[in-house]
Amino acid sequence: MTTLIQTLRALREGRTTTLALLEAARGAAEEGARLNALAWVDWNEAHRIATRLDEERAACRRRETQVPGRLHGVLVTIKDLFKVEGMPMHAGTRAALPDLGSGEAIAVQRLREAGALILAKTNMHEIALGASGENPWTGDVLNPFDPEHQAGGSSSGAAVATALGIGLAGLGSDTGGSIRIPAAFCGLVGFKPSFGAIPLEGALHLSWTCDHAGAIARDLADSTLLYEVMSRRSAAHGAVGRRPRLGVPEDWLAPRLSAEVAGAFEALLSRLRAHPIDLVVCPMKPLLDRAWGCYSPIVRAEAAWVHREVLSRGGSGFSEAVLAPMRLGEQLSAIQYLDAMQTRKEVIEGLRRCLAGVDALILPTSAVAPPRRGQIGVLGVQGTMPVRDAVLGQTAPFSLAGLPALSMPYAWAGKLPLGLQLVGAADSDARLLALGRWLEGLGVRLA
C-alpha cells in the first residue's frame, strides 16, 4: 500500500489529487463496510474540503511557492473520543459524556493546520475501556485479515480504516495499549509517544495519568512525520548507535507467550544476531508483574471519576462489560488508589534503571495472535490465561510508566499479522523512532 509520505510526494508533483484520494477512500469504505471501521463520515463535506485543498496546491504550483502544511491534502481519520469541529462524538457509548468544553481537540487542530483533510470518526471500544474492539452499541470492529478475529482496541476503527485505505493514518489514544494492540492485529505501525508529548485537551479521558495520544500508520517514516506534526517536536536528532543494545525480558515473556508467538519472536532474534546488534537479557518479571498489578486499580478509579455523574445516576447507557470495572473503581478507597500510585512510582524507577543500559526493550506486542471474537481465554506456554492479560498485559506497563513505545508488524501467524514492540526510556521518542526505522531497514517488516 502507498504510504502517507509517498502520497504527499505525488500530491506535490501533481500525480494525484485529494479528490482522487477521497474517491478511493470512499470506495474502500464501501467495500469494507462490514468491518465497521467508521463511526461517522460526511462525504459531501469531505468533497468540498478536498476541492479547496486541490485548488490551494494548484495555486502554489502556478506561483511556484511551497504548499502550506506538511500534511497538505492527505486524508486522516480520528478516533471517536477526540472532539472534531462539525462532527458528533459518542466514544462508542450510549451514556452521556462529560463536558469537554468548547473547541476542537488540539491534536486534531494540529493535523488540520498541517493541511490534512479530517475525513471521518472511527469506531472504538466503549469509552476506550477495553482492548478487543468489541462493542455492543456500535457493533464489533472486525479484523481486516480475518473478520472472525479481533481487530484490537480500543483504537480499533483507526487501525482498520488505515488498513483498508480509508485515509492514510488514524489518530488514536493509548491508555494501556490502545494504539499498539490494534496496530499489531491489523499489520500496521502504532506509536505511543512519551506521556504528554501530544496534547489531549479536547479528548475524552479514560485515565488521565495513563492516557496518551498517537497515530496508527503504515510505516515508521509516516509515524515519525505524524509525531512531529502533533507534538511539535523534531525527531531529526534521533540516531542509532553503531551497535545498538536491545533488552529482552526473557523471564517475563517465557510463561506468557503462545507457542506461535514465541516461535516467531525467537526466529526474529536469531535473524537479528546476524547483524551488528547486541541482545541483552533483562530480568524483569517481578517488576512487570507489579506494573500489571497496579495498572487496573489506577485506570478503573480514574475512569469512575471521569464518568462519576452518570455512575451516580445508575450508569445508564454503559454496557455491563464497561460498567462493572468502573463500579470496582468506585469501590476503591483513597488508600488503595494511593498504594497503587506509589507502586507505580517504584515501577517507573525500576524501568528507568533497566533502560539505562540498553537502547530499547524488544518484545512481542501481544503474547498471542489476534484472538477470535468473543474469545475469553487463550493458551500460553504454561496454560490458559485471560485474553485481557495476554494482550493488554504486554503493553500496559509502558503506558503506566509514560514511556515511548511502538509496535511494528514483523511476522505472520497463519494469515494473521504479529506485532513487535520496542520500548524506550522517557523522552527518547526520536531515538526510538530512529531505531524502528533502522530495524525496518534490516528487513524487520511483514512481507
Protein backbone atom coordinates (compact mmCIF):
# COMPACT_ATOMS: atom_id res chain seq x y z
CA MET A 1 0.00 0.00 0.00
CA THR A 2 1.12 3.53 -0.71
CA THR A 3 2.42 5.36 2.36
CA LEU A 4 1.46 8.81 3.55
CA ILE A 5 4.86 10.24 2.60
CA GLN A 6 4.71 8.71 -0.89
CA THR A 7 1.23 10.19 -1.32
CA LEU A 8 2.41 13.63 -0.20
CA ARG A 9 5.11 13.50 -2.87
CA ALA A 10 2.56 12.51 -5.52
CA LEU A 11 0.30 15.38 -4.46
CA ARG A 12 3.12 17.91 -4.63
CA GLU A 13 4.16 16.68 -8.08
CA GLY A 14 0.59 16.77 -9.39
CA ARG A 15 0.42 12.98 -9.97
CA THR A 16 -2.72 12.68 -7.85
CA THR A 17 -5.27 14.90 -6.15
CA THR A 18 -7.04 14.95 -2.83
CA LEU A 19 -10.31 14.39 -4.69
CA ALA A 20 -8.84 11.22 -6.20
CA LEU A 21 -7.70 10.09 -2.75
CA LEU A 22 -11.18 10.78 -1.42
CA GLU A 23 -12.82 8.76 -4.18
CA ALA A 24 -10.50 5.84 -3.43
CA ALA A 25 -11.25 6.15 0.30
CA ARG A 26 -14.98 6.11 -0.36
CA GLY A 27 -14.60 3.00 -2.48
CA ALA A 28 -12.55 1.32 0.25
CA ALA A 29 -15.16 2.29 2.85
CA GLU A 30 -17.99 0.83 0.79
CA GLU A 31 -16.07 -2.37 0.01
CA GLY A 32 -15.02 -2.84 3.64
CA ALA A 33 -18.23 -1.62 5.29
CA ARG A 34 -18.85 -4.92 7.06
CA LEU A 35 -15.62 -4.45 9.03
CA ASN A 36 -17.31 -1.47 10.74
CA ALA A 37 -14.36 0.93 10.94
CA LEU A 38 -16.28 4.21 10.64
CA ALA A 39 -18.45 5.85 13.28
CA TRP A 40 -19.33 8.95 11.22
CA VAL A 41 -18.45 10.48 7.86
CA ASP A 42 -19.89 13.25 5.67
CA TRP A 43 -18.69 12.53 2.14
CA ASN A 44 -20.18 15.72 0.72
CA GLU A 45 -18.34 17.91 3.22
CA ALA A 46 -15.14 15.94 2.63
CA HIS A 47 -15.58 16.57 -1.12
CA ARG A 48 -15.89 20.30 -0.51
CA ILE A 49 -12.71 20.39 1.56
CA ALA A 50 -10.81 18.18 -0.91
CA THR A 51 -11.72 20.58 -3.72
CA ARG A 52 -10.38 23.53 -1.72
CA LEU A 53 -7.13 21.71 -0.89
CA ASP A 54 -6.58 20.81 -4.54
CA GLU A 55 -7.16 24.43 -5.55
CA GLU A 56 -4.63 25.60 -2.94
CA ARG A 57 -1.96 23.24 -4.28
CA ALA A 58 -2.69 24.24 -7.88
CA ALA A 59 -2.30 27.91 -6.94
CA CYS A 60 1.02 27.17 -5.24
CA ARG A 61 2.31 25.38 -8.34
CA ARG A 62 1.33 28.36 -10.52
CA ARG A 63 3.11 30.76 -8.17
CA GLU A 64 5.98 28.31 -7.70
CA THR A 65 5.59 28.58 -3.94
CA GLN A 66 5.69 25.89 -1.30
CA VAL A 67 2.45 24.17 -0.33
CA PRO A 68 1.44 25.23 3.21
CA GLY A 69 1.42 22.40 5.71
CA ARG A 70 3.43 19.20 5.95
CA LEU A 71 0.31 17.02 5.51
CA HIS A 72 -1.41 19.07 2.85
CA GLY A 73 -4.06 17.07 1.03
CA VAL A 74 -3.81 13.67 2.74
CA LEU A 75 -6.76 12.00 4.48
CA VAL A 76 -6.64 11.21 8.20
CA THR A 77 -9.30 9.61 10.40
CA ILE A 78 -9.98 10.41 14.06
CA LYS A 79 -10.90 8.08 16.92
CA ASP A 80 -14.34 8.97 18.25
CA LEU A 81 -13.12 10.29 21.60
CA PHE A 82 -11.49 13.41 20.13
CA LYS A 83 -13.63 16.48 19.53
CA VAL A 84 -13.76 17.45 15.85
CA GLU A 85 -15.50 20.59 14.65
CA GLY A 86 -18.68 19.71 12.78
CA MET A 87 -18.63 16.03 13.78
CA PRO A 88 -20.55 14.29 16.57
CA MET A 89 -18.74 12.45 19.37
CA HIS A 90 -20.08 9.40 21.23
CA ALA A 91 -16.93 7.50 22.29
CA GLY A 92 -18.64 4.22 21.46
CA THR A 93 -21.21 4.50 24.27
CA ARG A 94 -24.85 5.39 24.82
CA ALA A 95 -24.05 7.06 28.12
CA ALA A 96 -23.90 10.83 28.45
CA LEU A 97 -20.35 12.14 28.19
CA PRO A 98 -18.75 14.74 30.47
CA ASP A 99 -18.42 18.29 29.16
CA LEU A 100 -15.12 18.69 27.34
CA GLY A 101 -15.52 22.42 26.82
CA SER A 102 -15.64 24.25 23.53
CA GLY A 103 -13.33 23.89 20.59
CA GLU A 104 -11.64 21.11 18.73
CA ALA A 105 -9.10 18.72 20.24
CA ILE A 106 -5.59 20.18 19.99
CA ALA A 107 -4.18 17.10 18.23
CA VAL A 108 -6.93 17.40 15.59
CA GLN A 109 -6.26 21.13 15.23
CA ARG A 110 -2.59 20.43 14.56
CA LEU A 111 -3.39 17.86 11.89
CA ARG A 112 -5.81 20.29 10.25
CA GLU A 113 -3.32 23.18 10.43
CA ALA A 114 -0.76 20.93 8.71
CA GLY A 115 -3.19 20.60 5.79
CA ALA A 116 -4.68 17.17 6.47
CA LEU A 117 -8.27 16.51 5.47
CA ILE A 118 -10.00 15.29 8.63
CA LEU A 119 -12.12 12.65 6.95
CA ALA A 120 -14.14 10.68 9.48
CA LYS A 121 -14.64 9.49 13.04
CA THR A 122 -13.68 5.88 13.70
CA ASN A 123 -15.34 3.27 15.91
CA MET A 124 -13.76 2.19 19.17
CA HIS A 125 -14.12 0.02 22.23
CA GLU A 126 -16.67 1.71 24.50
CA ILE A 127 -15.09 4.76 26.26
CA ALA A 128 -11.68 3.15 25.48
CA LEU A 129 -12.10 0.68 28.36
CA GLY A 130 -11.09 -2.50 26.55
CA ALA A 131 -8.65 -3.94 24.05
CA SER A 132 -10.76 -6.14 21.76
CA GLY A 133 -12.71 -3.64 19.63
CA GLU A 134 -15.94 -5.47 20.50
CA ASN A 135 -18.79 -3.10 21.25
CA PRO A 136 -22.47 -3.99 21.86
CA TRP A 137 -23.67 -0.48 20.99
CA THR A 138 -21.84 0.26 17.73
CA GLY A 139 -21.03 -3.30 16.68
CA ASP A 140 -17.68 -5.04 16.68
CA VAL A 141 -14.85 -3.72 14.54
CA LEU A 142 -13.58 -6.73 12.56
CA ASN A 143 -10.04 -7.76 11.73
CA PRO A 144 -9.24 -6.94 8.08
CA PHE A 145 -7.23 -10.18 7.66
CA ASP A 146 -9.92 -12.44 9.14
CA PRO A 147 -13.26 -10.98 10.28
CA GLU A 148 -13.72 -13.84 12.75
CA HIS A 149 -10.85 -12.40 14.79
CA GLN A 150 -10.50 -9.26 16.91
CA ALA A 151 -9.19 -6.04 15.43
CA GLY A 152 -7.74 -4.97 18.81
CA GLY A 153 -8.67 -1.91 20.77
CA SER A 154 -9.53 0.48 21.85
CA SER A 155 -8.46 2.37 18.68
CA SER A 156 -9.89 -0.45 16.56
CA GLY A 157 -11.56 1.63 13.85
CA ALA A 158 -8.48 3.82 13.41
CA ALA A 159 -6.42 0.73 12.60
CA VAL A 160 -8.96 -0.95 10.34
CA ALA A 161 -9.65 2.27 8.42
CA THR A 162 -5.93 2.69 7.78
CA ALA A 163 -5.51 -0.96 6.79
CA LEU A 164 -8.41 -0.67 4.32
CA GLY A 165 -7.17 2.58 2.81
CA ILE A 166 -9.86 4.83 4.30
CA GLY A 167 -7.31 7.52 4.98
CA LEU A 168 -3.57 7.10 5.25
CA ALA A 169 -3.37 7.24 9.05
CA GLY A 170 -5.62 7.35 12.09
CA LEU A 171 -5.40 9.40 15.27
CA GLY A 172 -5.88 7.18 18.31
CA SER A 173 -5.32 7.09 22.04
CA ASP A 174 -3.39 4.62 24.21
CA THR A 175 -4.03 4.12 27.92
CA GLY A 176 -2.71 0.57 28.19
CA GLY A 177 -2.03 -0.44 24.60
CA SER A 178 -4.93 1.00 22.61
CA ILE A 179 -2.74 2.20 19.73
CA ARG A 180 -0.19 -0.61 19.71
CA ILE A 181 -2.62 -3.55 20.01
CA PRO A 182 -4.88 -2.69 17.04
CA ALA A 183 -1.81 -1.72 15.02
CA ALA A 184 -0.32 -5.15 15.73
CA PHE A 185 -3.54 -7.01 14.97
CA CYS A 186 -4.03 -5.12 11.70
CA GLY A 187 -0.46 -5.26 10.36
CA LEU A 188 0.37 -1.57 10.91
CA VAL A 189 2.71 0.68 12.86
CA GLY A 190 1.42 2.21 16.09
CA PHE A 191 3.46 4.74 18.04
CA LYS A 192 2.63 5.80 21.58
CA PRO A 193 4.93 8.72 22.42
CA SER A 194 6.12 9.74 25.85
CA PHE A 195 3.44 10.89 28.26
CA GLY A 196 2.28 14.42 27.41
CA ALA A 197 4.15 14.69 24.10
CA ILE A 198 0.90 15.10 22.15
CA PRO A 199 -1.74 17.17 23.97
CA LEU A 200 -5.00 15.51 24.98
CA GLU A 201 -7.04 18.67 25.51
CA GLY A 202 -10.38 18.18 23.79
CA ALA A 203 -10.27 14.39 24.14
CA LEU A 204 -12.26 12.20 26.49
CA HIS A 205 -10.02 10.80 29.20
CA LEU A 206 -10.18 7.23 30.38
CA SER A 207 -7.32 7.57 32.88
CA TRP A 208 -5.70 10.99 32.83
CA THR A 209 -2.43 9.72 34.34
CA CYS A 210 -2.07 6.93 31.74
CA ASP A 211 -3.68 8.36 28.58
CA HIS A 212 -1.56 9.16 25.51
CA ALA A 213 -2.42 10.37 22.01
CA GLY A 214 -0.69 9.00 18.92
CA ALA A 215 -1.10 7.74 15.37
CA ILE A 216 -1.57 4.44 13.59
CA ALA A 217 0.18 4.49 10.21
CA ARG A 218 1.66 2.28 7.52
CA ASP A 219 5.36 2.58 8.30
CA LEU A 220 7.84 4.22 10.66
CA ALA A 221 8.55 7.17 8.39
CA ASP A 222 4.85 8.07 8.35
CA SER A 223 4.68 7.62 12.12
CA THR A 224 7.64 9.94 12.58
CA LEU A 225 6.08 12.69 10.46
CA LEU A 226 2.75 12.44 12.29
CA TYR A 227 4.52 12.54 15.66
CA GLU A 228 6.38 15.70 14.66
CA VAL A 229 3.20 17.41 13.44
CA MET A 230 1.10 16.59 16.51
CA SER A 231 3.81 17.01 19.17
CA ARG A 232 5.51 20.00 17.51
CA ARG A 233 8.80 18.34 18.39
CA SER A 234 11.53 17.36 15.97
CA ALA A 235 12.63 13.76 15.60
CA ALA A 236 15.53 14.69 13.31
CA HIS A 237 18.07 14.25 16.10
CA GLY A 238 17.15 10.59 16.56
CA ALA A 239 20.04 8.30 15.71
CA VAL A 240 21.04 4.67 16.11
CA GLY A 241 24.44 3.86 17.52
CA ARG A 242 26.91 1.74 15.62
CA ARG A 243 25.90 -1.35 17.64
CA PRO A 244 22.55 -0.84 19.36
CA ARG A 245 21.72 -2.79 22.53
CA LEU A 246 18.24 -4.25 22.90
CA GLY A 247 16.96 -5.70 26.14
CA VAL A 248 14.89 -8.90 26.09
CA PRO A 249 12.75 -9.53 29.23
CA GLU A 250 13.03 -13.31 28.83
CA ASP A 251 11.93 -14.28 32.34
CA TRP A 252 8.68 -12.31 31.96
CA LEU A 253 7.95 -13.46 28.42
CA ALA A 254 8.67 -17.17 28.82
CA PRO A 255 5.47 -18.16 30.68
CA ARG A 256 3.27 -15.73 28.76
CA LEU A 257 3.82 -16.27 25.04
CA SER A 258 1.80 -18.69 22.96
CA ALA A 259 3.84 -21.25 21.05
CA GLU A 260 3.36 -19.48 17.70
CA VAL A 261 4.30 -16.05 19.06
CA ALA A 262 7.30 -17.48 20.94
CA GLY A 263 8.47 -19.22 17.77
CA ALA A 264 8.14 -16.10 15.62
CA PHE A 265 9.91 -13.94 18.21
CA GLU A 266 12.80 -16.37 18.63
CA ALA A 267 13.18 -16.61 14.85
CA LEU A 268 13.41 -12.80 14.71
CA LEU A 269 16.06 -12.71 17.45
CA SER A 270 18.06 -15.34 15.57
CA ARG A 271 17.97 -13.18 12.43
CA LEU A 272 18.98 -10.09 14.38
CA ARG A 273 22.04 -11.86 15.81
CA ALA A 274 23.46 -11.87 12.28
CA HIS A 275 23.59 -8.06 12.36
CA PRO A 276 25.67 -5.58 14.40
CA ILE A 277 23.35 -5.60 17.37
CA ASP A 278 23.61 -6.71 20.99
CA LEU A 279 20.67 -8.60 22.53
CA VAL A 280 20.85 -8.38 26.30
CA VAL A 281 18.76 -10.50 28.68
CA CYS A 282 16.98 -8.19 31.15
CA PRO A 283 15.40 -9.93 34.17
CA MET A 284 12.14 -8.00 34.63
CA LYS A 285 9.42 -10.42 35.75
CA PRO A 286 8.86 -9.10 39.32
CA LEU A 287 8.87 -5.50 38.06
CA LEU A 288 6.44 -6.04 35.18
CA ASP A 289 4.17 -8.22 37.32
CA ARG A 290 3.93 -5.32 39.79
CA ALA A 291 3.16 -2.92 36.95
CA TRP A 292 0.28 -5.10 35.78
CA GLY A 293 -0.97 -5.39 39.35
CA CYS A 294 -1.28 -1.63 39.90
CA TYR A 295 -2.48 -0.71 36.41
CA SER A 296 -6.11 -1.79 36.75
CA PRO A 297 -6.84 -0.06 40.10
CA ILE A 298 -5.49 3.24 38.77
CA VAL A 299 -7.37 3.12 35.45
CA ARG A 300 -10.64 1.93 36.97
CA ALA A 301 -10.61 4.54 39.72
CA GLU A 302 -9.83 7.38 37.32
CA ALA A 303 -12.42 6.18 34.77
CA ALA A 304 -15.03 6.08 37.54
CA TRP A 305 -14.15 9.68 38.44
CA VAL A 306 -14.32 10.86 34.81
CA HIS A 307 -17.81 9.33 34.46
CA ARG A 308 -18.94 9.96 38.04
CA GLU A 309 -22.07 11.92 37.11
CA VAL A 310 -23.56 9.11 35.01
CA LEU A 311 -22.48 6.50 37.54
CA SER A 312 -24.19 8.44 40.32
CA ARG A 313 -27.45 8.19 38.34
CA GLY A 314 -27.17 4.43 37.89
CA GLY A 315 -24.78 4.18 34.95
CA SER A 316 -27.45 4.25 32.25
CA GLY A 317 -26.01 3.92 28.75
CA PHE A 318 -22.92 1.92 29.69
CA SER A 319 -22.70 -1.73 28.74
CA GLU A 320 -22.25 -4.15 31.62
CA ALA A 321 -18.73 -5.02 30.44
CA VAL A 322 -17.70 -1.38 30.92
CA LEU A 323 -19.92 -0.55 33.89
CA ALA A 324 -18.58 -3.42 36.03
CA PRO A 325 -14.91 -2.32 36.11
CA MET A 326 -15.92 1.28 36.78
CA ARG A 327 -18.03 0.11 39.72
CA LEU A 328 -14.92 -1.62 41.03
CA GLY A 329 -13.08 1.68 40.60
CA GLU A 330 -15.77 3.46 42.64
CA GLN A 331 -15.26 0.98 45.48
CA LEU A 332 -11.51 1.57 45.79
CA SER A 333 -10.54 3.54 48.88
CA ALA A 334 -8.24 6.54 48.70
CA ILE A 335 -5.58 4.47 50.45
CA GLN A 336 -5.84 1.70 47.83
CA TYR A 337 -5.57 4.21 45.00
CA LEU A 338 -2.56 5.87 46.62
CA ASP A 339 -0.95 2.49 47.24
CA ALA A 340 -1.28 1.74 43.53
CA MET A 341 0.19 5.14 42.65
CA GLN A 342 3.13 4.51 44.99
CA THR A 343 3.75 1.13 43.35
CA ARG A 344 3.64 2.90 40.02
CA LYS A 345 6.43 5.27 41.14
CA GLU A 346 8.55 2.27 42.04
CA VAL A 347 7.81 0.62 38.68
CA ILE A 348 8.82 3.79 36.84
CA GLU A 349 12.12 3.89 38.72
CA GLY A 350 12.71 0.20 38.05
CA LEU A 351 12.09 0.64 34.34
CA ARG A 352 14.39 3.67 34.30
CA ARG A 353 17.20 1.52 35.70
CA CYS A 354 16.51 -1.31 33.23
CA LEU A 355 16.52 1.05 30.25
CA ALA A 356 19.66 2.87 31.34
CA GLY A 357 21.80 0.03 29.97
CA VAL A 358 20.01 -0.54 26.64
CA ASP A 359 18.72 1.48 23.72
CA ALA A 360 15.28 -0.14 23.99
CA LEU A 361 13.40 -3.20 25.13
CA ILE A 362 12.24 -5.60 22.42
CA LEU A 363 9.31 -7.97 22.86
CA PRO A 364 6.11 -9.11 21.11
CA THR A 365 3.30 -6.55 21.24
CA SER A 366 0.81 -9.26 22.23
CA ALA A 367 1.51 -12.61 23.87
CA VAL A 368 -0.86 -14.23 21.38
CA ALA A 369 -2.01 -13.80 17.81
CA PRO A 370 -5.26 -11.85 17.35
CA PRO A 371 -7.88 -13.84 19.32
CA ARG A 372 -11.19 -14.87 17.88
CA ARG A 373 -14.12 -12.54 18.53
CA GLY A 374 -15.74 -13.29 21.86
CA GLN A 375 -12.78 -15.38 23.00
CA ILE A 376 -12.17 -15.17 26.75
CA GLY A 377 -9.15 -17.41 27.37
CA VAL A 378 -6.02 -18.17 25.34
CA LEU A 379 -3.38 -20.86 25.61
CA GLY A 380 0.11 -19.80 26.61
CA VAL A 381 3.19 -21.93 27.14
CA GLN A 382 2.19 -22.61 30.75
CA GLY A 383 -1.55 -22.96 30.33
CA THR A 384 -4.65 -20.85 29.76
CA MET A 385 -4.82 -17.18 30.70
CA PRO A 386 -7.42 -14.47 30.12
CA VAL A 387 -7.26 -12.73 26.75
CA ARG A 388 -7.04 -9.39 28.59
CA ASP A 389 -3.88 -10.48 30.41
CA ALA A 390 -2.29 -11.94 27.28
CA VAL A 391 -2.94 -8.86 25.14
CA LEU A 392 -3.12 -5.80 27.37
CA GLY A 393 -0.58 -7.21 29.82
CA GLN A 394 2.16 -6.90 27.19
CA THR A 395 1.64 -3.17 26.65
CA ALA A 396 0.07 -1.68 29.80
CA PRO A 397 3.26 -1.42 31.91
CA PHE A 398 4.76 1.02 29.45
CA SER A 399 1.70 3.27 29.29
CA LEU A 400 1.59 3.18 33.08
CA ALA A 401 5.18 4.43 33.11
CA GLY A 402 4.64 7.01 30.35
CA LEU A 403 7.42 5.56 28.18
CA PRO A 404 7.55 5.84 24.38
CA ALA A 405 6.61 2.54 22.76
CA LEU A 406 5.88 1.43 19.24
CA SER A 407 4.53 -1.64 17.53
CA MET A 408 5.63 -2.68 14.06
CA PRO A 409 4.48 -5.70 12.02
CA TYR A 410 7.16 -8.37 11.64
CA ALA A 411 5.71 -11.88 11.22
CA TRP A 412 2.64 -13.94 10.40
CA ALA A 413 0.69 -16.46 12.45
CA GLY A 414 -1.09 -18.17 9.60
CA LYS A 415 -2.93 -15.33 7.84
CA LEU A 416 -2.87 -13.03 10.90
CA PRO A 417 -0.10 -10.46 11.50
CA LEU A 418 2.06 -10.25 14.62
CA GLY A 419 3.47 -7.05 16.11
CA LEU A 420 6.93 -6.36 17.52
CA GLN A 421 7.12 -3.85 20.37
CA LEU A 422 10.02 -1.52 21.11
CA VAL A 423 10.07 0.48 24.34
CA GLY A 424 12.44 3.37 25.05
CA ALA A 425 13.44 5.48 28.02
CA ALA A 426 11.34 8.51 28.93
CA ASP A 427 11.50 11.27 26.31
CA SER A 428 13.63 9.17 23.94
CA ASP A 429 10.91 9.35 21.28
CA ALA A 430 13.19 10.45 18.43
CA ARG A 431 15.77 7.77 19.17
CA LEU A 432 13.10 5.06 19.42
CA LEU A 433 11.57 6.05 16.08
CA ALA A 434 15.05 6.01 14.51
CA LEU A 435 15.65 2.54 15.93
CA GLY A 436 12.35 1.35 14.46
CA ARG A 437 13.31 2.73 11.03
CA TRP A 438 16.71 1.05 11.35
CA LEU A 439 15.05 -2.30 12.05
CA GLU A 440 12.73 -1.77 9.07
CA GLY A 441 15.88 -1.25 7.02
CA LEU A 442 17.16 -4.64 8.18
CA GLY A 443 14.03 -6.25 6.79
CA VAL A 444 12.05 -6.45 10.04
CA ARG A 445 8.66 -5.99 8.42
CA LEU A 446 5.82 -8.04 7.02
CA ALA A 447 6.50 -9.45 3.57
